[in-house]
Amino acid sequence: MKVLKGLAESLDMTLSDLIEGMALHSFENKPAFSEETLEKIKQLKSVYDLDWTSQDSHRFKEDSE
């Protein structure tokens, strides 16, 4: 969430608008971000020491599982 919040701030948009845009692009199987924005995401991930990828999401479990 920190990366998403930072990205929304850097793009001068609300977090909810960023997430909505990501979802809409995803529904159409289109990339949500430009190369410039992907570089900003990379920088933010470094700041927050985050090295997760989409593959990591398959390992997340709910507490009840």
N, C-alpha and C. Protein backbone atom coordinates (compact mmCIF):
# COMPACT_ATOMS: atom_id res chain seq x y z
N MET A 1 0.82 -1.19 0.00
CA MET A 1 0.00 0.00 0.00
C MET A 1 0.86 1.26 0.00
N LYS A 2 2.03 1.19 0.64
CA LYS A 2 2.89 2.37 0.68
C LYS A 2 3.32 2.76 -0.73
N VAL A 3 3.66 1.77 -1.55
CA VAL A 3 4.07 2.05 -2.93
C VAL A 3 2.89 2.65 -3.70
N LEU A 4 1.71 2.08 -3.53
CA LEU A 4 0.54 2.60 -4.23
C LEU A 4 0.22 4.02 -3.79
N LYS A 5 0.29 4.27 -2.48
CA LYS A 5 0.04 5.62 -1.98
C LYS A 5 1.07 6.60 -2.53
N GLY A 6 2.34 6.20 -2.52
CA GLY A 6 3.40 7.06 -3.05
C GLY A 6 3.22 7.32 -4.54
N LEU A 7 2.84 6.29 -5.28
CA LEU A 7 2.62 6.44 -6.72
C LEU A 7 1.46 7.38 -6.99
N ALA A 8 0.36 7.19 -6.27
CA ALA A 8 -0.80 8.07 -6.45
C ALA A 8 -0.40 9.52 -6.18
N GLU A 9 0.36 9.73 -5.11
CA GLU A 9 0.81 11.09 -4.79
C GLU A 9 1.67 11.66 -5.91
N SER A 10 2.59 10.85 -6.42
CA SER A 10 3.48 11.35 -7.47
C SER A 10 2.74 11.63 -8.77
N LEU A 11 1.63 10.95 -8.98
CA LEU A 11 0.81 11.17 -10.18
C LEU A 11 -0.28 12.20 -9.95
N ASP A 12 -0.32 12.77 -8.74
CA ASP A 12 -1.31 13.78 -8.35
C ASP A 12 -2.73 13.27 -8.56
N MET A 13 -2.97 12.06 -8.00
CA MET A 13 -4.31 11.49 -8.07
C MET A 13 -4.61 10.80 -6.75
N THR A 14 -5.86 10.48 -6.54
CA THR A 14 -6.22 9.79 -5.31
C THR A 14 -5.85 8.32 -5.44
N LEU A 15 -5.68 7.67 -4.30
CA LEU A 15 -5.38 6.25 -4.30
C LEU A 15 -6.53 5.47 -4.94
N SER A 16 -7.75 5.86 -4.65
CA SER A 16 -8.90 5.14 -5.24
C SER A 16 -8.93 5.30 -6.76
N ASP A 17 -8.58 6.48 -7.29
CA ASP A 17 -8.53 6.66 -8.74
C ASP A 17 -7.43 5.79 -9.36
N LEU A 18 -6.29 5.69 -8.68
CA LEU A 18 -5.19 4.85 -9.18
C LEU A 18 -5.64 3.39 -9.24
N ILE A 19 -6.25 2.91 -8.17
CA ILE A 19 -6.69 1.51 -8.12
C ILE A 19 -7.78 1.24 -9.16
N GLU A 20 -8.69 2.18 -9.30
CA GLU A 20 -9.74 2.02 -10.31
C GLU A 20 -9.13 1.93 -11.71
N GLY A 21 -8.18 2.80 -12.01
CA GLY A 21 -7.52 2.76 -13.32
C GLY A 21 -6.79 1.46 -13.55
N MET A 22 -6.12 0.95 -12.51
CA MET A 22 -5.42 -0.33 -12.62
C MET A 22 -6.41 -1.46 -12.91
N ALA A 23 -7.54 -1.44 -12.20
CA ALA A 23 -8.55 -2.48 -12.40
C ALA A 23 -9.13 -2.42 -13.81
N LEU A 24 -9.46 -1.23 -14.27
CA LEU A 24 -10.04 -1.09 -15.61
C LEU A 24 -9.07 -1.59 -16.69
N HIS A 25 -7.79 -1.25 -16.55
CA HIS A 25 -6.80 -1.75 -17.50
C HIS A 25 -6.69 -3.27 -17.42
N SER A 26 -6.71 -3.79 -16.21
CA SER A 26 -6.62 -5.24 -16.00
C SER A 26 -7.79 -5.97 -16.65
N PHE A 27 -8.99 -5.43 -16.52
CA PHE A 27 -10.18 -6.05 -17.10
C PHE A 27 -10.07 -6.17 -18.62
N GLU A 28 -9.31 -5.27 -19.24
CA GLU A 28 -9.13 -5.29 -20.69
C GLU A 28 -7.79 -5.89 -21.09
N ASN A 29 -7.10 -6.47 -20.10
CA ASN A 29 -5.79 -7.10 -20.33
C ASN A 29 -4.81 -6.13 -21.01
N LYS A 30 -4.80 -4.89 -20.52
CA LYS A 30 -3.92 -3.85 -21.04
C LYS A 30 -2.97 -3.39 -19.95
N PRO A 31 -1.75 -3.01 -20.32
CA PRO A 31 -0.83 -2.48 -19.30
C PRO A 31 -1.36 -1.18 -18.72
N ALA A 32 -1.23 -1.03 -17.41
CA ALA A 32 -1.76 0.14 -16.73
C ALA A 32 -0.78 1.30 -16.68
N PHE A 33 0.52 1.01 -16.86
CA PHE A 33 1.54 2.02 -16.61
C PHE A 33 2.51 2.18 -17.77
N SER A 34 2.95 3.41 -17.96
CA SER A 34 3.98 3.71 -18.95
C SER A 34 5.34 3.28 -18.42
N GLU A 35 6.33 3.29 -19.26
CA GLU A 35 7.70 2.96 -18.84
C GLU A 35 8.17 3.93 -17.76
N GLU A 36 7.83 5.20 -17.90
CA GLU A 36 8.21 6.22 -16.91
C GLU A 36 7.59 5.92 -15.55
N THR A 37 6.32 5.53 -15.56
CA THR A 37 5.64 5.21 -14.31
C THR A 37 6.19 3.93 -13.70
N LEU A 38 6.53 2.96 -14.53
CA LEU A 38 7.14 1.72 -14.03
C LEU A 38 8.47 2.01 -13.35
N GLU A 39 9.22 2.97 -13.87
CA GLU A 39 10.48 3.36 -13.25
C GLU A 39 10.22 4.00 -11.88
N LYS A 40 9.18 4.81 -11.79
CA LYS A 40 8.81 5.42 -10.50
C LYS A 40 8.41 4.33 -9.50
N ILE A 41 7.68 3.33 -9.96
CA ILE A 41 7.30 2.22 -9.09
C ILE A 41 8.55 1.50 -8.59
N LYS A 42 9.49 1.28 -9.47
CA LYS A 42 10.75 0.63 -9.09
C LYS A 42 11.46 1.44 -8.01
N GLN A 43 11.49 2.75 -8.16
CA GLN A 43 12.12 3.61 -7.15
C GLN A 43 11.39 3.53 -5.82
N LEU A 44 10.07 3.57 -5.85
CA LEU A 44 9.28 3.49 -4.62
C LEU A 44 9.46 2.14 -3.93
N LYS A 45 9.51 1.06 -4.71
CA LYS A 45 9.74 -0.25 -4.12
C LYS A 45 11.09 -0.30 -3.41
N SER A 46 12.06 0.36 -3.99
CA SER A 46 13.39 0.41 -3.37
C SER A 46 13.36 1.20 -2.06
N VAL A 47 12.67 2.32 -2.06
CA VAL A 47 12.55 3.15 -0.85
C VAL A 47 11.92 2.35 0.28
N TYR A 48 10.89 1.57 -0.03
CA TYR A 48 10.18 0.82 0.99
C TYR A 48 10.72 -0.61 1.16
N ASP A 49 11.86 -0.90 0.52
CA ASP A 49 12.50 -2.21 0.64
C ASP A 49 11.52 -3.33 0.33
N LEU A 50 10.81 -3.18 -0.77
CA LEU A 50 9.80 -4.14 -1.20
C LEU A 50 10.29 -4.86 -2.45
N ASP A 51 10.42 -6.17 -2.36
CA ASP A 51 10.88 -6.91 -3.53
C ASP A 51 9.86 -7.96 -3.99
N TRP A 52 8.62 -7.82 -3.55
CA TRP A 52 7.58 -8.75 -3.98
C TRP A 52 7.28 -8.57 -5.46
N THR A 53 6.86 -9.66 -6.08
CA THR A 53 6.41 -9.63 -7.47
C THR A 53 5.00 -10.23 -7.53
N SER A 54 4.44 -10.28 -8.71
CA SER A 54 3.10 -10.86 -8.85
C SER A 54 3.10 -12.33 -8.44
N GLN A 55 4.19 -13.02 -8.59
CA GLN A 55 4.26 -14.42 -8.19
C GLN A 55 4.08 -14.59 -6.68
N ASP A 56 4.53 -13.61 -5.91
CA ASP A 56 4.40 -13.69 -4.46
C ASP A 56 2.93 -13.68 -4.02
N SER A 57 2.06 -13.07 -4.79
CA SER A 57 0.65 -12.98 -4.40
C SER A 57 0.01 -14.36 -4.29
N HIS A 58 0.54 -15.34 -4.98
CA HIS A 58 -0.01 -16.70 -4.93
C HIS A 58 0.32 -17.39 -3.60
N ARG A 59 1.24 -16.83 -2.85
CA ARG A 59 1.64 -17.41 -1.57
C ARG A 59 0.91 -16.79 -0.39
N PHE A 60 0.23 -15.68 -0.61
CA PHE A 60 -0.47 -15.02 0.49
C PHE A 60 -1.68 -15.86 0.90
N LYS A 61 -1.87 -15.98 2.20
CA LYS A 61 -2.99 -16.77 2.73
C LYS A 61 -3.74 -15.95 3.75
N GLU A 62 -5.03 -16.16 3.81
CA GLU A 62 -5.85 -15.55 4.85
C GLU A 62 -5.51 -16.24 6.17
N ASP A 63 -5.68 -15.53 7.28
CA ASP A 63 -5.39 -16.10 8.60
C ASP A 63 -6.17 -17.39 8.85
N SER A 64 -7.36 -17.51 8.31
CA SER A 64 -8.21 -18.67 8.55
C SER A 64 -7.81 -19.89 7.71
N GLU A 65 -6.90 -19.71 6.77
CA GLU A 65 -6.51 -20.83 5.89
C GLU A 65 -5.39 -21.64 6.49
